[in-house]
Each structure stands twice: as C-alpha cells, then as structure tokens.
Amino acid sequence: MNDALAIQNLIARFASSFDLKDWSALEGCLAPQVFTDYSDLRGTPPETLPAAEYVRLRTEALASLTTHHLLGNLEIDFSAPDQAICRASMLIWRIQSIPKGRTLRDAAGEFNTHCLYTFRLVNEAGTWKIGGITQKILWNNGSPEIHRGAKV
C-alpha cells in the first residue's frame, strides 16, 4: 500500500475508534508520545503526553457520549521520507448516550464541532503513526456542557 493511502486509513481508523469506543485501536494509531493542541475546544495549553494517557483522557471524556466523527478533505504533505503532515476536515457529532431501548429523540443533549485537524505523522519501522494532533475549531453548535472535554 502506498504511503498516502496508509495515512488515509490511519486517520480514518483514528476517527472511527472514538465512535466504536475501541480504545486499543486508538492507541494503536498513536506514536509513543503525542503532541496535542485542543486549545480551541478546551481552552487548555498544548501538551505532549504518552499515548496511553491520551487514550485514558479520551475514554473518560467520552464515557457518557455517543459520537460520530465524519472525516474528509485529506491533504497530505510528505516533509521527509518518514514524516508527513495531514490536514483533514472533520464534523464531530456528540449526543448523550441513549439508554437501551430508547431512540435518538430521547437523547438529552447534543454538541457538535466543525473543525480542521492537522496531524503530524511519523513512519516507525514501516508503519505510520500519529505523533501530533492539532484541532482548529471552525464552529460549534449545541450544548458544550454535555462534553467533559469542552470549555463552557
């Protein structure tokens, strides 16, 4: 598989892992240390943390939410044979988890984010991994208080 397709698949797997709550798949997408900048969403400064800590924080923040990450417009720039930058558009739908036997109408709230991601990618022994994640919010709509990770 060529590198561009491998990176597209990696970013798609990253996005889908949140929706499936497949936390081991999420960790498998990441380099051992991950730079993150979610300052637009959270109001916190950028940080670098171990992949396992990144996954733990996402697991906690999304425990009571059902999500759908819709991804498109991937632009990939190879800065070196083992490094790349991928910019992608994403729409993240979040609703409070729906109890079994209930419908979407029963969801207590929703919070949606329209954003651009910039992923820094590294090729480690022939496998692309995400080493950096920057989220730039275009706009949000809904109730940010349902998401533990969002500033209100």
C-alpha atoms as a PDB file:
ATOM      1  CA  MET A   1       0.000   0.000   0.000  1.00  0.00           C
ATOM      2  CA  ASN A   2       1.397   3.417  -0.801  1.00  0.00           C
ATOM      3  CA  ASP A   3       2.118   5.902   1.973  1.00  0.00           C
ATOM      4  CA  ALA A   4      -0.735   8.299   1.174  1.00  0.00           C
ATOM      5  CA  LEU A   5      -3.310   5.510   1.316  1.00  0.00           C
ATOM      6  CA  ALA A   6      -1.764   4.140   4.527  1.00  0.00           C
ATOM      7  CA  ILE A   7      -2.079   7.593   6.120  1.00  0.00           C
ATOM      8  CA  GLN A   8      -5.699   7.978   4.950  1.00  0.00           C
ATOM      9  CA  ASN A   9      -6.513   4.603   6.502  1.00  0.00           C
ATOM     10  CA  LEU A  10      -4.726   5.570   9.724  1.00  0.00           C
ATOM     11  CA  ILE A  11      -6.684   8.826  10.082  1.00  0.00           C
ATOM     12  CA  ALA A  12      -9.968   7.026   9.306  1.00  0.00           C
ATOM     13  CA  ARG A  13      -9.160   4.344  11.935  1.00  0.00           C
ATOM     14  CA  PHE A  14      -8.316   7.119  14.436  1.00  0.00           C
ATOM     15  CA  ALA A  15     -11.712   8.792  13.870  1.00  0.00           C
ATOM     16  CA  SER A  16     -13.703   5.548  13.885  1.00  0.00           C
ATOM     17  CA  SER A  17     -12.069   4.307  17.092  1.00  0.00           C
ATOM     18  CA  PHE A  18     -13.826   7.091  19.040  1.00  0.00           C
ATOM     19  CA  ASP A  19     -17.221   6.142  17.613  1.00  0.00           C
ATOM     20  CA  LEU A  20     -16.685   2.437  18.300  1.00  0.00           C
ATOM     21  CA  LYS A  21     -15.073   3.153  21.680  1.00  0.00           C
ATOM     22  CA  ASP A  22     -12.274   0.875  20.513  1.00  0.00           C
ATOM     23  CA  TRP A  23      -9.597   2.302  22.763  1.00  0.00           C
ATOM     24  CA  SER A  24      -6.927  -0.263  21.882  1.00  0.00           C
ATOM     25  CA  ALA A  25      -7.353   0.627  18.183  1.00  0.00           C
ATOM     26  CA  LEU A  26      -6.988   4.300  19.107  1.00  0.00           C
ATOM     27  CA  GLU A  27      -3.766   3.634  20.993  1.00  0.00           C
ATOM     28  CA  GLY A  28      -2.506   1.610  18.032  1.00  0.00           C
ATOM     29  CA  CYS A  29      -2.823   4.719  15.841  1.00  0.00           C
ATOM     30  CA  LEU A  30      -0.501   6.752  18.057  1.00  0.00           C
ATOM     31  CA  ALA A  31       3.246   7.196  18.421  1.00  0.00           C
ATOM     32  CA  PRO A  32       4.537   6.543  21.960  1.00  0.00           C
ATOM     33  CA  GLN A  33       4.448  10.308  22.720  1.00  0.00           C
ATOM     34  CA  VAL A  34       1.734  12.533  21.224  1.00  0.00           C
ATOM     35  CA  PHE A  35       1.740  16.325  20.952  1.00  0.00           C
ATOM     36  CA  THR A  36      -1.830  17.626  21.288  1.00  0.00           C
ATOM     37  CA  ASP A  37      -3.352  21.059  20.849  1.00  0.00           C
ATOM     38  CA  TYR A  38      -7.055  21.142  21.663  1.00  0.00           C
ATOM     39  CA  SER A  39      -6.889  24.722  22.964  1.00  0.00           C
ATOM     40  CA  ASP A  40      -9.771  25.857  20.726  1.00  0.00           C
ATOM     41  CA  LEU A  41     -12.110  23.268  22.268  1.00  0.00           C
ATOM     42  CA  ARG A  42     -10.816  23.031  25.815  1.00  0.00           C
ATOM     43  CA  GLY A  43      -9.097  26.333  26.489  1.00  0.00           C
ATOM     44  CA  THR A  44      -6.047  24.411  27.743  1.00  0.00           C
ATOM     45  CA  PRO A  45      -2.463  24.822  26.513  1.00  0.00           C
ATOM     46  CA  PRO A  46      -0.867  22.353  24.094  1.00  0.00           C
ATOM     47  CA  GLU A  47       0.872  19.394  25.705  1.00  0.00           C
ATOM     48  CA  THR A  48       2.843  16.262  24.929  1.00  0.00           C
ATOM     49  CA  LEU A  49       1.757  13.093  26.678  1.00  0.00           C
ATOM     50  CA  PRO A  50       2.174   9.319  26.440  1.00  0.00           C
ATOM     51  CA  ALA A  51      -0.223   7.575  24.054  1.00  0.00           C
ATOM     52  CA  ALA A  52      -1.787   5.607  26.929  1.00  0.00           C
ATOM     53  CA  GLU A  53      -2.554   8.852  28.800  1.00  0.00           C
ATOM     54  CA  TYR A  54      -4.119  10.379  25.680  1.00  0.00           C
ATOM     55  CA  VAL A  55      -6.384   7.323  25.385  1.00  0.00           C
ATOM     56  CA  ARG A  56      -7.267   7.396  29.106  1.00  0.00           C
ATOM     57  CA  LEU A  57      -8.316  11.050  28.887  1.00  0.00           C
ATOM     58  CA  ARG A  58     -10.485  10.401  25.810  1.00  0.00           C
ATOM     59  CA  THR A  59     -12.055   7.345  27.448  1.00  0.00           C
ATOM     60  CA  GLU A  60     -13.106   9.427  30.463  1.00  0.00           C
ATOM     61  CA  ALA A  61     -14.267  12.461  28.481  1.00  0.00           C
ATOM     62  CA  LEU A  62     -16.446  10.401  26.130  1.00  0.00           C
ATOM     63  CA  ALA A  63     -17.801   7.826  28.598  1.00  0.00           C
ATOM     64  CA  SER A  64     -21.320   9.294  28.597  1.00  0.00           C
ATOM     65  CA  LEU A  65     -21.413  10.278  24.922  1.00  0.00           C
ATOM     66  CA  THR A  66     -22.190   8.625  21.627  1.00  0.00           C
ATOM     67  CA  THR A  67     -20.149  10.146  18.811  1.00  0.00           C
ATOM     68  CA  HIS A  68     -19.810  10.137  15.064  1.00  0.00           C
ATOM     69  CA  HIS A  69     -16.651  11.557  13.506  1.00  0.00           C
ATOM     70  CA  LEU A  70     -17.161  12.310   9.807  1.00  0.00           C
ATOM     71  CA  LEU A  71     -13.865  12.900   8.013  1.00  0.00           C
ATOM     72  CA  GLY A  72     -12.963  14.339   4.613  1.00  0.00           C
ATOM     73  CA  ASN A  73     -10.773  16.644   2.528  1.00  0.00           C
ATOM     74  CA  LEU A  74      -7.489  14.981   3.470  1.00  0.00           C
ATOM     75  CA  GLU A  75      -4.393  16.838   2.272  1.00  0.00           C
ATOM     76  CA  ILE A  76      -1.092  15.020   2.816  1.00  0.00           C
ATOM     77  CA  ASP A  77       2.337  16.631   2.575  1.00  0.00           C
ATOM     78  CA  PHE A  78       5.450  14.486   2.898  1.00  0.00           C
ATOM     79  CA  SER A  79       8.127  16.628   4.550  1.00  0.00           C
ATOM     80  CA  ALA A  80      10.644  13.741   4.661  1.00  0.00           C
ATOM     81  CA  PRO A  81      10.529  10.021   3.806  1.00  0.00           C
ATOM     82  CA  ASP A  82       9.479   9.170   7.374  1.00  0.00           C
ATOM     83  CA  GLN A  83       7.416  12.281   8.215  1.00  0.00           C
ATOM     84  CA  ALA A  84       4.183  13.752   6.901  1.00  0.00           C
ATOM     85  CA  ILE A  85       1.534  16.329   7.715  1.00  0.00           C
ATOM     86  CA  CYS A  86      -2.123  15.554   7.056  1.00  0.00           C
ATOM     87  CA  ARG A  87      -4.805  18.219   7.249  1.00  0.00           C
ATOM     88  CA  ALA A  88      -8.370  16.921   7.396  1.00  0.00           C
ATOM     89  CA  SER A  89     -11.840  18.376   7.817  1.00  0.00           C
ATOM     90  CA  MET A  90     -13.984  16.752  10.472  1.00  0.00           C
ATOM     91  CA  LEU A  91     -17.510  17.055  11.766  1.00  0.00           C
ATOM     92  CA  ILE A  92     -17.946  15.524  15.209  1.00  0.00           C
ATOM     93  CA  TRP A  93     -21.480  14.773  16.360  1.00  0.00           C
ATOM     94  CA  ARG A  94     -21.854  14.129  20.083  1.00  0.00           C
ATOM     95  CA  ILE A  95     -25.036  13.151  21.912  1.00  0.00           C
ATOM     96  CA  GLN A  96     -25.539  11.948  25.417  1.00  0.00           C
ATOM     97  CA  SER A  97     -25.584   8.160  25.343  1.00  0.00           C
ATOM     98  CA  ILE A  98     -29.023   6.757  24.660  1.00  0.00           C
ATOM     99  CA  PRO A  99     -30.316   4.112  27.069  1.00  0.00           C
ATOM    100  CA  LYS A 100     -31.028   0.696  25.559  1.00  0.00           C
ATOM    101  CA  GLY A 101     -34.497   0.528  24.072  1.00  0.00           C
ATOM    102  CA  ARG A 102     -34.667   4.306  23.569  1.00  0.00           C
ATOM    103  CA  THR A 103     -34.357   6.354  20.384  1.00  0.00           C
ATOM    104  CA  LEU A 104     -32.360   9.363  19.282  1.00  0.00           C
ATOM    105  CA  ARG A 105     -35.308  11.530  20.310  1.00  0.00           C
ATOM    106  CA  ASP A 106     -34.604  10.511  23.914  1.00  0.00           C
ATOM    107  CA  ALA A 107     -31.075  11.997  23.888  1.00  0.00           C
ATOM    108  CA  ALA A 108     -30.814  14.761  26.482  1.00  0.00           C
ATOM    109  CA  GLY A 109     -28.447  16.982  24.523  1.00  0.00           C
ATOM    110  CA  GLU A 110     -26.025  17.275  21.677  1.00  0.00           C
ATOM    111  CA  PHE A 111     -22.824  19.159  20.990  1.00  0.00           C
ATOM    112  CA  ASN A 112     -21.284  19.248  17.524  1.00  0.00           C
ATOM    113  CA  THR A 113     -17.931  20.526  16.309  1.00  0.00           C
ATOM    114  CA  HIS A 114     -16.928  21.538  12.790  1.00  0.00           C
ATOM    115  CA  CYS A 115     -13.145  21.615  12.668  1.00  0.00           C
ATOM    116  CA  LEU A 116      -9.867  21.168  10.850  1.00  0.00           C
ATOM    117  CA  TYR A 117      -7.283  18.751  12.193  1.00  0.00           C
ATOM    118  CA  THR A 118      -3.583  18.864  11.463  1.00  0.00           C
ATOM    119  CA  PHE A 119      -1.928  15.508  12.120  1.00  0.00           C
ATOM    120  CA  ARG A 120       1.840  15.122  12.348  1.00  0.00           C
ATOM    121  CA  LEU A 121       2.752  11.620  11.237  1.00  0.00           C
ATOM    122  CA  VAL A 122       5.885   9.556  11.669  1.00  0.00           C
ATOM    123  CA  ASN A 123       6.828   6.322   9.983  1.00  0.00           C
ATOM    124  CA  GLU A 124       8.134   3.892  12.592  1.00  0.00           C
ATOM    125  CA  ALA A 125       9.622   0.723  11.092  1.00  0.00           C
ATOM    126  CA  GLY A 126       7.338   0.887   8.058  1.00  0.00           C
ATOM    127  CA  THR A 127       4.153   1.797   9.968  1.00  0.00           C
ATOM    128  CA  TRP A 128       2.671   5.297  10.030  1.00  0.00           C
ATOM    129  CA  LYS A 129       1.694   6.636  13.472  1.00  0.00           C
ATOM    130  CA  ILE A 130       0.177   9.896  14.695  1.00  0.00           C
ATOM    131  CA  GLY A 131       2.735  11.931  16.637  1.00  0.00           C
ATOM    132  CA  GLY A 132       0.850  15.226  16.760  1.00  0.00           C
ATOM    133  CA  ILE A 133      -2.780  16.357  16.752  1.00  0.00           C
ATOM    134  CA  THR A 134      -3.939  19.969  16.438  1.00  0.00           C
ATOM    135  CA  GLN A 135      -7.647  20.758  16.291  1.00  0.00           C
ATOM    136  CA  LYS A 136      -8.774  24.128  14.921  1.00  0.00           C
ATOM    137  CA  ILE A 137     -12.466  24.821  15.582  1.00  0.00           C
ATOM    138  CA  LEU A 138     -14.396  26.448  12.767  1.00  0.00           C
ATOM    139  CA  TRP A 139     -17.587  26.495  14.847  1.00  0.00           C
ATOM    140  CA  ASN A 140     -19.507  24.541  17.481  1.00  0.00           C
ATOM    141  CA  ASN A 141     -23.218  24.203  17.964  1.00  0.00           C
ATOM    142  CA  GLY A 142     -25.292  22.667  20.727  1.00  0.00           C
ATOM    143  CA  SER A 143     -24.676  22.235  24.446  1.00  0.00           C
ATOM    144  CA  PRO A 144     -20.954  22.084  25.324  1.00  0.00           C
ATOM    145  CA  GLU A 145     -21.768  21.132  28.930  1.00  0.00           C
ATOM    146  CA  ILE A 146     -22.546  17.537  27.851  1.00  0.00           C
ATOM    147  CA  HIS A 147     -18.857  17.035  26.887  1.00  0.00           C
ATOM    148  CA  ARG A 148     -16.428  16.888  29.806  1.00  0.00           C
ATOM    149  CA  GLY A 149     -13.591  17.931  27.490  1.00  0.00           C
ATOM    150  CA  ALA A 150     -15.161  21.158  26.201  1.00  0.00           C
ATOM    151  CA  LYS A 151     -14.912  24.593  27.722  1.00  0.00           C
ATOM    152  CA  VAL A 152     -18.309  26.032  28.511  1.00  0.00           C
END
